[in-house]
Amino acid sequence: MAEKKPFVLRLDTELLKKVEKWASDEFRSTNGQLEWIITEALKKAGRYKDKDSPG
């Protein structure tokens, strides 16, 4: 499992409520949902490389 580094993230209250609702709908924690959103955005932008992928 990859090492996780904690950091503070400030979000608009309404934005956080929407993320919390989305996380709840998908049975994830808020933190897990934010990790998933960021990972998907990085993949879409071509900036995410899976450590297990060759090359």
PDB file of N, CA and C in Angstrom:
ATOM      1  N   MET A   1       0.845  -1.181   0.000  1.00  0.00           N
ATOM      2  CA  MET A   1       0.000   0.000   0.000  1.00  0.00           C
ATOM      3  C   MET A   1       0.890   1.244   0.000  1.00  0.00           C
ATOM      4  N   ALA A   2       0.510   2.215  -0.780  1.00  0.00           N
ATOM      5  CA  ALA A   2       1.297   3.443  -0.908  1.00  0.00           C
ATOM      6  C   ALA A   2       1.247   4.254   0.388  1.00  0.00           C
ATOM      7  N   GLU A   3       2.341   4.918   0.675  1.00  0.00           N
ATOM      8  CA  GLU A   3       2.394   5.809   1.835  1.00  0.00           C
ATOM      9  C   GLU A   3       1.469   6.995   1.582  1.00  0.00           C
ATOM     10  N   LYS A   4       0.759   7.410   2.611  1.00  0.00           N
ATOM     11  CA  LYS A   4      -0.149   8.546   2.478  1.00  0.00           C
ATOM     12  C   LYS A   4       0.354   9.687   3.332  1.00  0.00           C
ATOM     13  N   LYS A   5       0.374  10.862   2.750  1.00  0.00           N
ATOM     14  CA  LYS A   5       0.863  12.054   3.435  1.00  0.00           C
ATOM     15  C   LYS A   5      -0.327  12.958   3.763  1.00  0.00           C
ATOM     16  N   PRO A   6      -0.548  13.245   5.016  1.00  0.00           N
ATOM     17  CA  PRO A   6      -1.666  14.120   5.386  1.00  0.00           C
ATOM     18  C   PRO A   6      -1.383  15.577   5.047  1.00  0.00           C
ATOM     19  N   PHE A   7      -2.435  16.307   4.706  1.00  0.00           N
ATOM     20  CA  PHE A   7      -2.329  17.743   4.485  1.00  0.00           C
ATOM     21  C   PHE A   7      -3.696  18.382   4.685  1.00  0.00           C
ATOM     22  N   VAL A   8      -3.700  19.670   4.900  1.00  0.00           N
ATOM     23  CA  VAL A   8      -4.945  20.408   5.134  1.00  0.00           C
ATOM     24  C   VAL A   8      -5.503  20.870   3.794  1.00  0.00           C
ATOM     25  N   LEU A   9      -6.802  20.717   3.629  1.00  0.00           N
ATOM     26  CA  LEU A   9      -7.474  21.161   2.413  1.00  0.00           C
ATOM     27  C   LEU A   9      -8.663  22.023   2.817  1.00  0.00           C
ATOM     28  N   ARG A  10      -8.711  23.228   2.314  1.00  0.00           N
ATOM     29  CA  ARG A  10      -9.834  24.114   2.599  1.00  0.00           C
ATOM     30  C   ARG A  10     -10.781  24.080   1.405  1.00  0.00           C
ATOM     31  N   LEU A  11     -12.050  23.832   1.688  1.00  0.00           N
ATOM     32  CA  LEU A  11     -13.073  23.798   0.648  1.00  0.00           C
ATOM     33  C   LEU A  11     -14.239  24.684   1.058  1.00  0.00           C
ATOM     34  N   ASP A  12     -14.900  25.244   0.062  1.00  0.00           N
ATOM     35  CA  ASP A  12     -16.144  25.960   0.275  1.00  0.00           C
ATOM     36  C   ASP A  12     -17.139  24.994   0.942  1.00  0.00           C
ATOM     37  N   THR A  13     -17.900  25.488   1.892  1.00  0.00           N
ATOM     38  CA  THR A  13     -18.835  24.655   2.653  1.00  0.00           C
ATOM     39  C   THR A  13     -19.802  23.898   1.749  1.00  0.00           C
ATOM     40  N   GLU A  14     -20.353  24.582   0.770  1.00  0.00           N
ATOM     41  CA  GLU A  14     -21.313  23.933  -0.132  1.00  0.00           C
ATOM     42  C   GLU A  14     -20.641  22.854  -0.987  1.00  0.00           C
ATOM     43  N   LEU A  15     -19.431  23.123  -1.431  1.00  0.00           N
ATOM     44  CA  LEU A  15     -18.691  22.132  -2.213  1.00  0.00           C
ATOM     45  C   LEU A  15     -18.424  20.889  -1.369  1.00  0.00           C
ATOM     46  N   LEU A  16     -18.014  21.082  -0.126  1.00  0.00           N
ATOM     47  CA  LEU A  16     -17.751  19.953   0.760  1.00  0.00           C
ATOM     48  C   LEU A  16     -19.024  19.144   0.997  1.00  0.00           C
ATOM     49  N   LYS A  17     -20.143  19.792   1.176  1.00  0.00           N
ATOM     50  CA  LYS A  17     -21.411  19.080   1.362  1.00  0.00           C
ATOM     51  C   LYS A  17     -21.724  18.200   0.163  1.00  0.00           C
ATOM     52  N   LYS A  18     -21.462  18.718  -1.037  1.00  0.00           N
ATOM     53  CA  LYS A  18     -21.723  17.940  -2.252  1.00  0.00           C
ATOM     54  C   LYS A  18     -20.793  16.730  -2.338  1.00  0.00           C
ATOM     55  N   VAL A  19     -19.531  16.910  -1.987  1.00  0.00           N
ATOM     56  CA  VAL A  19     -18.576  15.798  -1.996  1.00  0.00           C
ATOM     57  C   VAL A  19     -18.968  14.764  -0.940  1.00  0.00           C
ATOM     58  N   GLU A  20     -19.359  15.217   0.237  1.00  0.00           N
ATOM     59  CA  GLU A  20     -19.786  14.293   1.292  1.00  0.00           C
ATOM     60  C   GLU A  20     -21.002  13.477   0.859  1.00  0.00           C
ATOM     61  N   LYS A  21     -21.957  14.114   0.198  1.00  0.00           N
ATOM     62  CA  LYS A  21     -23.155  13.414  -0.291  1.00  0.00           C
ATOM     63  C   LYS A  21     -22.769  12.392  -1.340  1.00  0.00           C
ATOM     64  N   TRP A  22     -21.903  12.771  -2.284  1.00  0.00           N
ATOM     65  CA  TRP A  22     -21.441  11.873  -3.330  1.00  0.00           C
ATOM     66  C   TRP A  22     -20.723  10.679  -2.704  1.00  0.00           C
ATOM     67  N   ALA A  23     -19.868  10.940  -1.730  1.00  0.00           N
ATOM     68  CA  ALA A  23     -19.145   9.867  -1.044  1.00  0.00           C
ATOM     69  C   ALA A  23     -20.134   8.909  -0.374  1.00  0.00           C
ATOM     70  N   SER A  24     -21.103   9.458   0.303  1.00  0.00           N
ATOM     71  CA  SER A  24     -22.108   8.631   0.972  1.00  0.00           C
ATOM     72  C   SER A  24     -22.880   7.779  -0.031  1.00  0.00           C
ATOM     73  N   ASP A  25     -23.248   8.361  -1.156  1.00  0.00           N
ATOM     74  CA  ASP A  25     -23.978   7.633  -2.202  1.00  0.00           C
ATOM     75  C   ASP A  25     -23.177   6.461  -2.742  1.00  0.00           C
ATOM     76  N   GLU A  26     -21.849   6.565  -2.727  1.00  0.00           N
ATOM     77  CA  GLU A  26     -20.984   5.514  -3.272  1.00  0.00           C
ATOM     78  C   GLU A  26     -20.301   4.698  -2.178  1.00  0.00           C
ATOM     79  N   PHE A  27     -20.778   4.844  -0.937  1.00  0.00           N
ATOM     80  CA  PHE A  27     -20.267   4.082   0.210  1.00  0.00           C
ATOM     81  C   PHE A  27     -18.765   4.254   0.405  1.00  0.00           C
ATOM     82  N   ARG A  28     -18.299   5.493   0.240  1.00  0.00           N
ATOM     83  CA  ARG A  28     -16.903   5.843   0.485  1.00  0.00           C
ATOM     84  C   ARG A  28     -16.840   6.884   1.595  1.00  0.00           C
ATOM     85  N   SER A  29     -15.665   6.999   2.200  1.00  0.00           N
ATOM     86  CA  SER A  29     -15.431   8.117   3.116  1.00  0.00           C
ATOM     87  C   SER A  29     -15.247   9.373   2.271  1.00  0.00           C
ATOM     88  N   THR A  30     -15.354  10.516   2.892  1.00  0.00           N
ATOM     89  CA  THR A  30     -15.112  11.771   2.176  1.00  0.00           C
ATOM     90  C   THR A  30     -13.681  11.795   1.651  1.00  0.00           C
ATOM     91  N   ASN A  31     -12.731  11.385   2.476  1.00  0.00           N
ATOM     92  CA  ASN A  31     -11.333  11.350   2.044  1.00  0.00           C
ATOM     93  C   ASN A  31     -11.155  10.391   0.863  1.00  0.00           C
ATOM     94  N   GLY A  32     -11.766   9.226   0.950  1.00  0.00           N
ATOM     95  CA  GLY A  32     -11.679   8.256  -0.141  1.00  0.00           C
ATOM     96  C   GLY A  32     -12.272   8.811  -1.425  1.00  0.00           C
ATOM     97  N   GLN A  33     -13.364   9.538  -1.304  1.00  0.00           N
ATOM     98  CA  GLN A  33     -13.997  10.135  -2.488  1.00  0.00           C
ATOM     99  C   GLN A  33     -13.090  11.179  -3.117  1.00  0.00           C
ATOM    100  N   LEU A  34     -12.477  12.009  -2.277  1.00  0.00           N
ATOM    101  CA  LEU A  34     -11.564  13.031  -2.799  1.00  0.00           C
ATOM    102  C   LEU A  34     -10.364  12.376  -3.490  1.00  0.00           C
ATOM    103  N   GLU A  35      -9.829  11.307  -2.918  1.00  0.00           N
ATOM    104  CA  GLU A  35      -8.722  10.589  -3.564  1.00  0.00           C
ATOM    105  C   GLU A  35      -9.161  10.046  -4.913  1.00  0.00           C
ATOM    106  N   TRP A  36     -10.364   9.477  -4.968  1.00  0.00           N
ATOM    107  CA  TRP A  36     -10.877   8.918  -6.220  1.00  0.00           C
ATOM    108  C   TRP A  36     -11.061  10.019  -7.272  1.00  0.00           C
ATOM    109  N   ILE A  37     -11.647  11.147  -6.872  1.00  0.00           N
ATOM    110  CA  ILE A  37     -11.867  12.270  -7.798  1.00  0.00           C
ATOM    111  C   ILE A  37     -10.531  12.759  -8.364  1.00  0.00           C
ATOM    112  N   ILE A  38      -9.546  12.935  -7.485  1.00  0.00           N
ATOM    113  CA  ILE A  38      -8.237  13.429  -7.929  1.00  0.00           C
ATOM    114  C   ILE A  38      -7.556  12.420  -8.846  1.00  0.00           C
ATOM    115  N   THR A  39      -7.615  11.129  -8.480  1.00  0.00           N
ATOM    116  CA  THR A  39      -7.006  10.085  -9.312  1.00  0.00           C
ATOM    117  C   THR A  39      -7.647  10.051 -10.701  1.00  0.00           C
ATOM    118  N   GLU A  40      -8.969  10.118 -10.750  1.00  0.00           N
ATOM    119  CA  GLU A  40      -9.666  10.102 -12.044  1.00  0.00           C
ATOM    120  C   GLU A  40      -9.306  11.331 -12.882  1.00  0.00           C
ATOM    121  N   ALA A  41      -9.208  12.492 -12.249  1.00  0.00           N
ATOM    122  CA  ALA A  41      -8.839  13.717 -12.974  1.00  0.00           C
ATOM    123  C   ALA A  41      -7.422  13.594 -13.532  1.00  0.00           C
ATOM    124  N   LEU A  42      -6.497  13.031 -12.746  1.00  0.00           N
ATOM    125  CA  LEU A  42      -5.120  12.848 -13.215  1.00  0.00           C
ATOM    126  C   LEU A  42      -5.061  11.874 -14.388  1.00  0.00           C
ATOM    127  N   LYS A  43      -5.826  10.787 -14.301  1.00  0.00           N
ATOM    128  CA  LYS A  43      -5.868   9.817 -15.403  1.00  0.00           C
ATOM    129  C   LYS A  43      -6.412  10.473 -16.673  1.00  0.00           C
ATOM    130  N   LYS A  44      -7.502  11.211 -16.536  1.00  0.00           N
ATOM    131  CA  LYS A  44      -8.124  11.875 -17.683  1.00  0.00           C
ATOM    132  C   LYS A  44      -7.159  12.862 -18.344  1.00  0.00           C
ATOM    133  N   ALA A  45      -6.337  13.520 -17.525  1.00  0.00           N
ATOM    134  CA  ALA A  45      -5.376  14.498 -18.037  1.00  0.00           C
ATOM    135  C   ALA A  45      -4.079  13.851 -18.524  1.00  0.00           C
ATOM    136  N   GLY A  46      -3.991  12.521 -18.391  1.00  0.00           N
ATOM    137  CA  GLY A  46      -2.783  11.827 -18.821  1.00  0.00           C
ATOM    138  C   GLY A  46      -1.607  12.058 -17.890  1.00  0.00           C
ATOM    139  N   ARG A  47      -1.881  12.381 -16.656  1.00  0.00           N
ATOM    140  CA  ARG A  47      -0.821  12.685 -15.695  1.00  0.00           C
ATOM    141  C   ARG A  47      -0.689  11.629 -14.602  1.00  0.00           C
ATOM    142  N   TYR A  48      -1.417  10.530 -14.740  1.00  0.00           N
ATOM    143  CA  TYR A  48      -1.372   9.478 -13.739  1.00  0.00           C
ATOM    144  C   TYR A  48      -0.786   8.230 -14.369  1.00  0.00           C
ATOM    145  N   LYS A  49       0.236   7.701 -13.741  1.00  0.00           N
ATOM    146  CA  LYS A  49       0.854   6.481 -14.235  1.00  0.00           C
ATOM    147  C   LYS A  49       0.798   5.443 -13.128  1.00  0.00           C
ATOM    148  N   ASP A  50       0.110   4.353 -13.375  1.00  0.00           N
ATOM    149  CA  ASP A  50      -0.003   3.274 -12.397  1.00  0.00           C
ATOM    150  C   ASP A  50       1.371   2.654 -12.181  1.00  0.00           C
ATOM    151  N   LYS A  51       1.772   2.489 -10.933  1.00  0.00           N
ATOM    152  CA  LYS A  51       3.092   1.939 -10.595  1.00  0.00           C
ATOM    153  C   LYS A  51       3.259   0.518 -11.118  1.00  0.00           C
ATOM    154  N   ASP A  52       2.164  -0.214 -11.302  1.00  0.00           N
ATOM    155  CA  ASP A  52       2.242  -1.591 -11.769  1.00  0.00           C
ATOM    156  C   ASP A  52       2.284  -1.714 -13.291  1.00  0.00           C
ATOM    157  N   SER A  53       2.078  -0.608 -13.991  1.00  0.00           N
ATOM    158  CA  SER A  53       2.074  -0.646 -15.454  1.00  0.00           C
ATOM    159  C   SER A  53       3.514  -0.685 -15.990  1.00  0.00           C
ATOM    160  N   PRO A  54       3.733  -1.465 -17.048  1.00  0.00           N
ATOM    161  CA  PRO A  54       5.077  -1.476 -17.645  1.00  0.00           C
ATOM    162  C   PRO A  54       5.399  -0.144 -18.315  1.00  0.00           C
ATOM    163  N   GLY A  55       6.683   0.201 -18.342  1.00  0.00           N
ATOM    164  CA  GLY A  55       7.126   1.425 -19.017  1.00  0.00           C
ATOM    165  C   GLY A  55       7.032   2.575 -18.130  1.00  0.00           C
TER     166      GLY A  55
END
